[in-house]
Every structure is written in structure tokens, then in C-alpha cells.
Amino acid sequence: MIEKLAFIPKILYYCKSYLNIILMKLDVKLKKGVGDLQFNSTIDQAMKLMGAPTDVENIGEDIDYPTTILHYDSLGISLFFETNETCMLTCIDIDNSDTTIFGQKVMGEPSRVIEELMIKNNILNKTKEDEDWGEMRISYEDYSIDFYFIDDKLVSITFGK
């Protein structure tokens, strides 16, 4: 009987992780993180908060700062960890439609709305560039944030510490 109950902790872990993902506020906090997830978190801390990722990817093994990426497809978020002696969260990419910045939902908004929101919050010095792959990017380097647009609709945000 005890052997049959051994799976209960695993079920509870996955249920807790799933609830964390559902309940997580996807509020981008510039240079700090998103929701309760903070930059400089370890992979273990992120997984404790968000549960097991959909996929784990390792890139750049041949460069100075190889990176481990945790993809959470159901949440529309990818977490980038520099794979070094500390292995801390340094960058987040998000495309979830519930994402907010300064309390305002932003996905799907035109570039003009994003630019106005940033100006309203005293975030200036933007650069705009059309990417080779077809997206338009608006960057605010001082705040380590890039907004990506397709047909002038925001489709994703990449930001770091």
C-alpha cells in the first residue's frame, strides 16, 4: 500500500508548479524580473517557483558565456541563465498575452502605444531597427529591454538585468 502512495508527492509537486504558473502575475519589472521571479535567481529557484520546464536548451558551449535556457511553452516564457560558476538568471523572453508593464497589458499593442507608455514612465532613449527576419525592434538600452513587433503589433519582449 505504501508503495502505491509513493507517487503522491510527485503529483503534489506538479500540481503546485502548475498552480504557480497559472497564478503568476506576468508583470515585467524593468531590471528586476517578472512577477515573483527575480534576476540572479538560480535554475533551482526558478524551477521551484515555476515547476519543470517544457524544454531545456544549452547554447554557446564554445563561447565565454554559454547559456542554459528553460522554456515554459504553456506560459509563453523562456528564462536565460549564464552557465558559469553561479548560473544566475540574466534574461527573460516573454510572449504571453497577459503580460503587463507598469500595470498595462501590452501584447498586441501597436508600437505607438508602447512608446507612449515608456515615455509616460520616464523611459527614454529608444532605438528602432528592422530585423533581417522581418520583425521591427524598439530597444531601450538603459533598461535592457527590447520590444518586437510584427505588422506593428507587439509579439514579444526580451529584457534583462
N, C-alpha and C. Protein backbone atom coordinates (compact mmCIF):
# COMPACT_ATOMS: atom_id res chain seq x y z
N MET A 1 0.82 -1.20 0.00
CA MET A 1 0.00 0.00 0.00
C MET A 1 0.86 1.26 0.00
N ILE A 2 1.92 1.30 0.83
CA ILE A 2 2.80 2.46 0.90
C ILE A 2 3.46 2.72 -0.45
N GLU A 3 3.85 1.64 -1.16
CA GLU A 3 4.46 1.81 -2.47
C GLU A 3 3.51 2.50 -3.42
N LYS A 4 2.24 2.19 -3.33
CA LYS A 4 1.24 2.80 -4.21
C LYS A 4 1.05 4.28 -3.91
N LEU A 5 1.34 4.71 -2.69
CA LEU A 5 1.17 6.11 -2.31
C LEU A 5 2.42 6.94 -2.59
N ALA A 6 3.52 6.30 -2.99
CA ALA A 6 4.78 7.00 -3.20
C ALA A 6 4.69 8.05 -4.29
N PHE A 7 3.77 7.93 -5.21
CA PHE A 7 3.65 8.90 -6.30
C PHE A 7 2.94 10.19 -5.87
N ILE A 8 2.31 10.22 -4.71
CA ILE A 8 1.54 11.39 -4.27
C ILE A 8 2.43 12.64 -4.14
N PRO A 9 3.63 12.57 -3.55
CA PRO A 9 4.46 13.79 -3.50
C PRO A 9 4.77 14.34 -4.89
N LYS A 10 5.00 13.46 -5.87
CA LYS A 10 5.26 13.93 -7.23
C LYS A 10 4.04 14.62 -7.81
N ILE A 11 2.88 14.05 -7.60
CA ILE A 11 1.64 14.66 -8.09
C ILE A 11 1.44 16.03 -7.44
N LEU A 12 1.65 16.11 -6.14
CA LEU A 12 1.50 17.40 -5.44
C LEU A 12 2.50 18.43 -5.95
N TYR A 13 3.74 18.00 -6.23
CA TYR A 13 4.76 18.91 -6.76
C TYR A 13 4.31 19.48 -8.10
N TYR A 14 3.85 18.61 -9.01
CA TYR A 14 3.43 19.08 -10.32
C TYR A 14 2.16 19.93 -10.24
N CYS A 15 1.25 19.60 -9.34
CA CYS A 15 0.04 20.42 -9.15
C CYS A 15 0.43 21.81 -8.64
N LYS A 16 1.33 21.86 -7.66
CA LYS A 16 1.78 23.14 -7.11
C LYS A 16 2.47 23.96 -8.20
N SER A 17 3.33 23.32 -9.00
CA SER A 17 4.02 24.02 -10.07
C SER A 17 3.03 24.57 -11.09
N TYR A 18 2.04 23.76 -11.44
CA TYR A 18 1.04 24.19 -12.42
C TYR A 18 0.23 25.36 -11.87
N LEU A 19 -0.14 25.31 -10.60
CA LEU A 19 -0.88 26.42 -9.98
C LEU A 19 -0.02 27.68 -9.93
N ASN A 20 1.27 27.55 -9.63
CA ASN A 20 2.16 28.70 -9.62
C ASN A 20 2.17 29.38 -10.98
N ILE A 21 2.24 28.57 -12.04
CA ILE A 21 2.27 29.11 -13.39
C ILE A 21 0.95 29.82 -13.70
N ILE A 22 -0.17 29.20 -13.35
CA ILE A 22 -1.48 29.81 -13.63
C ILE A 22 -1.65 31.12 -12.87
N LEU A 23 -1.22 31.14 -11.60
CA LEU A 23 -1.45 32.29 -10.75
C LEU A 23 -0.37 33.37 -10.86
N MET A 24 0.73 33.07 -11.53
CA MET A 24 1.84 34.02 -11.61
C MET A 24 1.42 35.26 -12.38
N LYS A 25 1.64 36.41 -11.77
CA LYS A 25 1.39 37.68 -12.45
C LYS A 25 2.58 37.93 -13.37
N LEU A 26 2.29 38.14 -14.62
CA LEU A 26 3.34 38.36 -15.60
C LEU A 26 3.59 39.85 -15.79
N ASP A 27 3.92 40.51 -14.68
CA ASP A 27 4.20 41.93 -14.70
C ASP A 27 5.71 42.12 -14.84
N VAL A 28 6.12 42.69 -15.96
CA VAL A 28 7.53 42.95 -16.21
C VAL A 28 7.99 44.09 -15.30
N LYS A 29 9.02 43.81 -14.54
CA LYS A 29 9.64 44.82 -13.66
C LYS A 29 11.03 45.07 -14.21
N LEU A 30 11.21 46.22 -14.84
CA LEU A 30 12.46 46.52 -15.52
C LEU A 30 13.66 46.34 -14.61
N LYS A 31 14.65 45.61 -15.15
CA LYS A 31 15.92 45.32 -14.47
C LYS A 31 15.76 44.50 -13.18
N LYS A 32 14.54 44.00 -12.92
CA LYS A 32 14.30 43.20 -11.70
C LYS A 32 13.82 41.79 -12.01
N GLY A 33 12.89 41.63 -12.94
CA GLY A 33 12.37 40.32 -13.26
C GLY A 33 10.93 40.40 -13.74
N VAL A 34 10.20 39.30 -13.54
CA VAL A 34 8.79 39.23 -13.92
C VAL A 34 8.03 38.53 -12.81
N GLY A 35 6.93 39.13 -12.38
CA GLY A 35 6.18 38.54 -11.28
C GLY A 35 7.06 38.35 -10.07
N ASP A 36 7.01 37.15 -9.49
CA ASP A 36 7.85 36.83 -8.33
C ASP A 36 9.24 36.33 -8.70
N LEU A 37 9.50 36.18 -9.98
CA LEU A 37 10.79 35.68 -10.44
C LEU A 37 11.76 36.84 -10.63
N GLN A 38 12.86 36.80 -9.91
CA GLN A 38 13.84 37.89 -9.93
C GLN A 38 15.10 37.49 -10.69
N PHE A 39 15.72 38.49 -11.34
CA PHE A 39 17.03 38.25 -11.94
C PHE A 39 18.00 37.85 -10.84
N ASN A 40 19.00 37.08 -11.22
CA ASN A 40 20.00 36.49 -10.34
C ASN A 40 19.48 35.27 -9.59
N SER A 41 18.24 34.85 -9.88
CA SER A 41 17.75 33.57 -9.33
C SER A 41 18.54 32.44 -9.96
N THR A 42 18.68 31.36 -9.23
CA THR A 42 19.33 30.16 -9.78
C THR A 42 18.30 29.35 -10.55
N ILE A 43 18.77 28.38 -11.30
CA ILE A 43 17.87 27.48 -12.02
C ILE A 43 16.96 26.77 -11.02
N ASP A 44 17.53 26.29 -9.91
CA ASP A 44 16.72 25.60 -8.89
C ASP A 44 15.64 26.51 -8.32
N GLN A 45 15.97 27.76 -8.05
CA GLN A 45 14.98 28.70 -7.52
C GLN A 45 13.87 28.95 -8.53
N ALA A 46 14.25 29.11 -9.80
CA ALA A 46 13.25 29.33 -10.85
C ALA A 46 12.33 28.11 -10.99
N MET A 47 12.91 26.92 -10.97
CA MET A 47 12.11 25.71 -11.11
C MET A 47 11.23 25.48 -9.89
N LYS A 48 11.68 25.89 -8.73
CA LYS A 48 10.85 25.77 -7.54
C LYS A 48 9.62 26.67 -7.67
N LEU A 49 9.80 27.84 -8.24
CA LEU A 49 8.70 28.77 -8.42
C LEU A 49 7.80 28.38 -9.60
N MET A 50 8.41 27.94 -10.70
CA MET A 50 7.67 27.74 -11.93
C MET A 50 7.44 26.29 -12.31
N GLY A 51 8.11 25.37 -11.64
CA GLY A 51 7.96 23.97 -11.97
C GLY A 51 8.91 23.54 -13.06
N ALA A 52 8.70 22.34 -13.54
CA ALA A 52 9.58 21.78 -14.57
C ALA A 52 9.31 22.47 -15.90
N PRO A 53 10.37 22.84 -16.63
CA PRO A 53 10.18 23.48 -17.92
C PRO A 53 9.72 22.48 -18.98
N THR A 54 9.15 23.01 -20.04
CA THR A 54 8.77 22.19 -21.19
C THR A 54 10.00 21.62 -21.87
N ASP A 55 11.05 22.46 -21.94
CA ASP A 55 12.27 22.08 -22.64
C ASP A 55 13.45 22.82 -22.01
N VAL A 56 14.61 22.19 -22.05
CA VAL A 56 15.85 22.82 -21.59
C VAL A 56 16.81 22.81 -22.77
N GLU A 57 17.40 23.97 -23.04
CA GLU A 57 18.30 24.11 -24.18
C GLU A 57 19.63 24.68 -23.69
N ASN A 58 20.72 24.14 -24.18
CA ASN A 58 22.05 24.65 -23.86
C ASN A 58 22.67 25.18 -25.13
N ILE A 59 23.11 26.44 -25.10
CA ILE A 59 23.70 27.04 -26.30
C ILE A 59 25.04 27.68 -25.96
N GLY A 60 25.87 27.84 -26.97
CA GLY A 60 27.11 28.58 -26.84
C GLY A 60 28.17 27.93 -25.99
N GLU A 61 28.27 26.60 -26.03
CA GLU A 61 29.27 25.92 -25.21
C GLU A 61 30.69 26.35 -25.57
N ASP A 62 30.87 26.88 -26.79
CA ASP A 62 32.20 27.25 -27.27
C ASP A 62 32.52 28.73 -27.08
N ILE A 63 31.70 29.46 -26.31
CA ILE A 63 31.96 30.88 -26.08
C ILE A 63 32.19 31.14 -24.60
N ASP A 64 32.52 32.39 -24.26
CA ASP A 64 32.82 32.74 -22.88
C ASP A 64 31.64 32.56 -21.93
N TYR A 65 30.43 32.83 -22.41
CA TYR A 65 29.24 32.75 -21.55
C TYR A 65 28.20 31.81 -22.13
N PRO A 66 28.42 30.50 -22.04
CA PRO A 66 27.38 29.58 -22.50
C PRO A 66 26.11 29.80 -21.69
N THR A 67 24.98 29.44 -22.27
CA THR A 67 23.69 29.74 -21.68
C THR A 67 22.80 28.52 -21.63
N THR A 68 22.09 28.37 -20.51
CA THR A 68 21.04 27.36 -20.37
C THR A 68 19.71 28.09 -20.44
N ILE A 69 18.81 27.61 -21.28
CA ILE A 69 17.50 28.24 -21.45
C ILE A 69 16.42 27.27 -21.00
N LEU A 70 15.57 27.73 -20.09
CA LEU A 70 14.40 26.96 -19.67
C LEU A 70 13.20 27.53 -20.42
N HIS A 71 12.54 26.69 -21.22
CA HIS A 71 11.37 27.11 -21.98
C HIS A 71 10.10 26.63 -21.27
N TYR A 72 9.17 27.53 -21.05
CA TYR A 72 7.86 27.22 -20.48
C TYR A 72 6.82 27.57 -21.54
N ASP A 73 6.56 26.62 -22.43
CA ASP A 73 5.71 26.87 -23.58
C ASP A 73 4.29 27.28 -23.19
N SER A 74 3.72 26.64 -22.17
CA SER A 74 2.34 26.96 -21.78
C SER A 74 2.22 28.36 -21.20
N LEU A 75 3.31 28.91 -20.70
CA LEU A 75 3.31 30.25 -20.13
C LEU A 75 3.83 31.29 -21.12
N GLY A 76 4.43 30.83 -22.20
CA GLY A 76 4.99 31.77 -23.18
C GLY A 76 6.17 32.54 -22.64
N ILE A 77 7.07 31.82 -21.95
CA ILE A 77 8.21 32.48 -21.33
C ILE A 77 9.44 31.58 -21.43
N SER A 78 10.58 32.20 -21.69
CA SER A 78 11.86 31.49 -21.70
C SER A 78 12.82 32.24 -20.78
N LEU A 79 13.54 31.47 -19.97
CA LEU A 79 14.46 32.02 -18.98
C LEU A 79 15.89 31.68 -19.37
N PHE A 80 16.76 32.67 -19.39
CA PHE A 80 18.15 32.50 -19.82
C PHE A 80 19.09 32.61 -18.61
N PHE A 81 19.89 31.57 -18.43
CA PHE A 81 20.84 31.50 -17.32
C PHE A 81 22.24 31.40 -17.90
N GLU A 82 23.12 32.34 -17.52
CA GLU A 82 24.52 32.20 -17.92
C GLU A 82 25.08 30.99 -17.21
N THR A 83 25.64 30.08 -17.99
CA THR A 83 26.16 28.84 -17.43
C THR A 83 27.62 29.07 -17.04
N ASN A 84 27.80 29.56 -15.84
CA ASN A 84 29.13 29.77 -15.28
C ASN A 84 29.12 29.26 -13.85
N GLU A 85 30.06 29.70 -13.04
CA GLU A 85 30.12 29.18 -11.67
C GLU A 85 28.89 29.53 -10.84
N THR A 86 28.18 30.61 -11.18
CA THR A 86 26.99 30.99 -10.40
C THR A 86 25.68 30.59 -11.07
N CYS A 87 25.64 30.56 -12.38
CA CYS A 87 24.46 30.13 -13.16
C CYS A 87 23.20 30.88 -12.72
N MET A 88 23.19 32.19 -12.91
CA MET A 88 22.08 33.04 -12.49
C MET A 88 21.22 33.48 -13.67
N LEU A 89 19.96 33.77 -13.40
CA LEU A 89 19.02 34.27 -14.40
C LEU A 89 19.45 35.66 -14.85
N THR A 90 19.66 35.82 -16.17
CA THR A 90 20.12 37.11 -16.68
C THR A 90 19.18 37.73 -17.71
N CYS A 91 18.29 36.92 -18.30
CA CYS A 91 17.44 37.44 -19.37
C CYS A 91 16.14 36.64 -19.42
N ILE A 92 15.06 37.32 -19.82
CA ILE A 92 13.75 36.69 -19.95
C ILE A 92 13.17 37.09 -21.30
N ASP A 93 12.59 36.13 -21.99
CA ASP A 93 11.85 36.39 -23.22
C ASP A 93 10.41 35.96 -22.97
N ILE A 94 9.46 36.83 -23.30
CA ILE A 94 8.07 36.54 -22.99
C ILE A 94 7.16 36.95 -24.15
N ASP A 95 6.16 36.10 -24.43
CA ASP A 95 5.19 36.44 -25.47
C ASP A 95 3.75 36.14 -25.02
N ASN A 96 3.55 36.03 -23.74
CA ASN A 96 2.23 35.73 -23.17
C ASN A 96 1.30 36.94 -23.31
N SER A 97 0.08 36.70 -23.73
CA SER A 97 -0.87 37.79 -23.96
C SER A 97 -1.28 38.52 -22.68
N ASP A 98 -1.03 37.93 -21.51
CA ASP A 98 -1.38 38.58 -20.24
C ASP A 98 -0.25 39.43 -19.66
N THR A 99 0.84 39.56 -20.38
CA THR A 99 1.99 40.31 -19.90
C THR A 99 1.64 41.79 -19.71
N THR A 100 2.08 42.34 -18.58
CA THR A 100 1.88 43.76 -18.31
C THR A 100 3.21 44.44 -18.03
N ILE A 101 3.23 45.74 -18.30
CA ILE A 101 4.34 46.61 -17.91
C ILE A 101 3.69 47.86 -17.33
N PHE A 102 4.13 48.25 -16.17
CA PHE A 102 3.54 49.39 -15.46
C PHE A 102 2.03 49.21 -15.32
N GLY A 103 1.61 47.96 -15.12
CA GLY A 103 0.21 47.65 -14.88
C GLY A 103 -0.66 47.62 -16.13
N GLN A 104 -0.09 47.80 -17.30
CA GLN A 104 -0.87 47.84 -18.55
C GLN A 104 -0.55 46.62 -19.41
N LYS A 105 -1.59 45.91 -19.88
CA LYS A 105 -1.37 44.81 -20.82
C LYS A 105 -0.80 45.38 -22.11
N VAL A 106 0.22 44.70 -22.64
CA VAL A 106 0.92 45.28 -23.78
C VAL A 106 0.94 44.41 -25.04
N MET A 107 0.79 43.12 -24.93
CA MET A 107 0.90 42.27 -26.12
C MET A 107 -0.21 42.61 -27.11
N GLY A 108 0.19 42.71 -28.37
CA GLY A 108 -0.75 43.04 -29.43
C GLY A 108 -0.90 44.53 -29.66
N GLU A 109 -0.34 45.35 -28.77
CA GLU A 109 -0.46 46.80 -28.92
C GLU A 109 0.48 47.30 -30.03
N PRO A 110 0.10 48.40 -30.68
CA PRO A 110 0.99 48.99 -31.70
C PRO A 110 2.19 49.68 -31.05
N SER A 111 3.21 49.89 -31.84
CA SER A 111 4.45 50.49 -31.33
C SER A 111 4.19 51.86 -30.70
N ARG A 112 3.28 52.64 -31.24
CA ARG A 112 2.97 53.97 -30.71
C ARG A 112 2.53 53.88 -29.25
N VAL A 113 1.70 52.89 -28.91
CA VAL A 113 1.22 52.71 -27.53
C VAL A 113 2.38 52.36 -26.60
N ILE A 114 3.26 51.49 -27.04
CA ILE A 114 4.41 51.10 -26.23
C ILE A 114 5.33 52.30 -26.01
N GLU A 115 5.59 53.05 -27.06
CA GLU A 115 6.45 54.23 -26.94
C GLU A 115 5.84 55.25 -25.97
N GLU A 116 4.54 55.47 -26.06
CA GLU A 116 3.86 56.41 -25.15
C GLU A 116 3.92 55.93 -23.70
N LEU A 117 3.74 54.61 -23.50
CA LEU A 117 3.81 54.04 -22.16
C LEU A 117 5.20 54.25 -21.56
N MET A 118 6.21 54.02 -22.36
CA MET A 118 7.57 54.19 -21.86
C MET A 118 7.86 55.65 -21.55
N ILE A 119 7.45 56.56 -22.41
CA ILE A 119 7.66 58.00 -22.16
C ILE A 119 6.93 58.41 -20.89
N LYS A 120 5.69 57.95 -20.73
CA LYS A 120 4.90 58.27 -19.54
C LYS A 120 5.62 57.85 -18.26
N ASN A 121 6.42 56.78 -18.34
CA ASN A 121 7.15 56.27 -17.18
C ASN A 121 8.62 56.68 -17.20
N ASN A 122 8.90 57.73 -17.97
CA ASN A 122 10.23 58.33 -17.99
C ASN A 122 11.32 57.40 -18.49
N ILE A 123 10.96 56.50 -19.40
CA ILE A 123 11.92 55.60 -20.04
C ILE A 123 12.14 56.16 -21.44
N LEU A 124 13.34 56.68 -21.68
CA LEU A 124 13.63 57.40 -22.92
C LEU A 124 14.79 56.75 -23.66
N ASN A 125 15.31 57.42 -24.66
CA ASN A 125 16.47 56.98 -25.43
C ASN A 125 16.24 55.65 -26.15
N LYS A 126 15.20 55.59 -26.92
CA LYS A 126 14.90 54.37 -27.67
C LYS A 126 15.67 54.33 -28.98
N THR A 127 15.84 53.13 -29.50
CA THR A 127 16.32 52.94 -30.86
C THR A 127 15.35 52.00 -31.55
N LYS A 128 15.18 52.19 -32.86
CA LYS A 128 14.30 51.34 -33.66
C LYS A 128 15.11 50.72 -34.77
N GLU A 129 14.80 49.46 -35.05
CA GLU A 129 15.52 48.78 -36.12
C GLU A 129 14.64 47.69 -36.70
N ASP A 130 14.70 47.55 -38.02
CA ASP A 130 14.02 46.44 -38.68
C ASP A 130 14.98 45.27 -38.73
N GLU A 131 14.56 44.15 -38.16
CA GLU A 131 15.40 42.96 -38.12
C GLU A 131 15.35 42.23 -39.47
N ASP A 132 16.42 41.48 -39.78
CA ASP A 132 16.50 40.74 -41.03
C ASP A 132 15.37 39.73 -41.18
N TRP A 133 14.90 39.20 -40.07
CA TRP A 133 13.87 38.16 -40.12
C TRP A 133 12.45 38.74 -40.19
N GLY A 134 12.32 40.08 -40.27
CA GLY A 134 11.03 40.69 -40.52
C GLY A 134 10.38 41.43 -39.36
N GLU A 135 10.88 41.25 -38.16
CA GLU A 135 10.30 41.97 -37.03
C GLU A 135 10.92 43.36 -36.92
N MET A 136 10.14 44.27 -36.34
CA MET A 136 10.67 45.59 -36.01
C MET A 136 10.96 45.58 -34.51
N ARG A 137 12.11 46.12 -34.13
CA ARG A 137 12.52 46.11 -32.72
C ARG A 137 12.65 47.53 -32.21
N ILE A 138 12.08 47.77 -31.04
CA ILE A 138 12.30 49.02 -30.31
C ILE A 138 13.05 48.65 -29.05
N SER A 139 14.21 49.27 -28.85
CA SER A 139 15.07 48.97 -27.71
C SER A 139 15.25 50.18 -26.82
N TYR A 140 15.33 49.90 -25.53
CA TYR A 140 15.68 50.90 -24.53
C TYR A 140 16.89 50.33 -23.79
N GLU A 141 18.07 50.64 -24.32
CA GLU A 141 19.30 50.02 -23.83
C GLU A 141 19.55 50.29 -22.35
N ASP A 142 19.23 51.49 -21.88
CA ASP A 142 19.45 51.82 -20.47
C ASP A 142 18.66 50.90 -19.54
N TYR A 143 17.59 50.32 -20.05
CA TYR A 143 16.73 49.44 -19.24
C TYR A 143 16.77 47.99 -19.73
N SER A 144 17.68 47.69 -20.65
CA SER A 144 17.89 46.32 -21.13
C SER A 144 16.59 45.66 -21.57
N ILE A 145 15.80 46.37 -22.40
CA ILE A 145 14.53 45.79 -22.86
C ILE A 145 14.36 46.03 -24.35
N ASP A 146 13.91 44.98 -25.04
CA ASP A 146 13.62 45.04 -26.47
C ASP A 146 12.17 44.60 -26.69
N PHE A 147 11.45 45.37 -27.48
CA PHE A 147 10.07 45.04 -27.87
C PHE A 147 10.10 44.64 -29.34
N TYR A 148 9.48 43.51 -29.68
CA TYR A 148 9.47 43.02 -31.05
C TYR A 148 8.05 43.08 -31.61
N PHE A 149 7.93 43.62 -32.83
CA PHE A 149 6.64 43.84 -33.47
C PHE A 149 6.58 43.15 -34.83
N ILE A 150 5.43 42.60 -35.14
CA ILE A 150 5.12 42.11 -36.49
C ILE A 150 3.87 42.86 -36.91
N ASP A 151 3.93 43.47 -38.09
CA ASP A 151 2.81 44.28 -38.59
C ASP A 151 2.37 45.30 -37.55
N ASP A 152 3.33 45.91 -36.87
CA ASP A 152 3.14 46.93 -35.85
C ASP A 152 2.30 46.46 -34.67
N LYS A 153 2.34 45.18 -34.37
CA LYS A 153 1.69 44.63 -33.17
C LYS A 153 2.77 43.96 -32.33
N LEU A 154 2.81 44.28 -31.01
CA LEU A 154 3.81 43.70 -30.13
C LEU A 154 3.60 42.19 -30.01
N VAL A 155 4.67 41.41 -30.30
CA VAL A 155 4.57 39.95 -30.25
C VAL A 155 5.46 39.34 -29.17
N SER A 156 6.52 40.05 -28.76
CA SER A 156 7.37 39.52 -27.71
C SER A 156 8.23 40.62 -27.11
N ILE A 157 8.69 40.31 -25.88
CA ILE A 157 9.56 41.24 -25.14
C ILE A 157 10.74 40.42 -24.62
N THR A 158 11.93 40.96 -24.79
CA THR A 158 13.13 40.37 -24.22
C THR A 158 13.76 41.42 -23.32
N PHE A 159 14.04 41.04 -22.08
CA PHE A 159 14.60 42.00 -21.15
C PHE A 159 15.55 41.32 -20.19
N GLY A 160 16.46 42.12 -19.66
CA GLY A 160 17.49 41.59 -18.76
C GLY A 160 17.73 42.49 -17.58
N LYS A 161 18.75 42.10 -16.83
CA LYS A 161 19.05 42.85 -15.59
C LYS A 161 19.92 44.05 -15.84
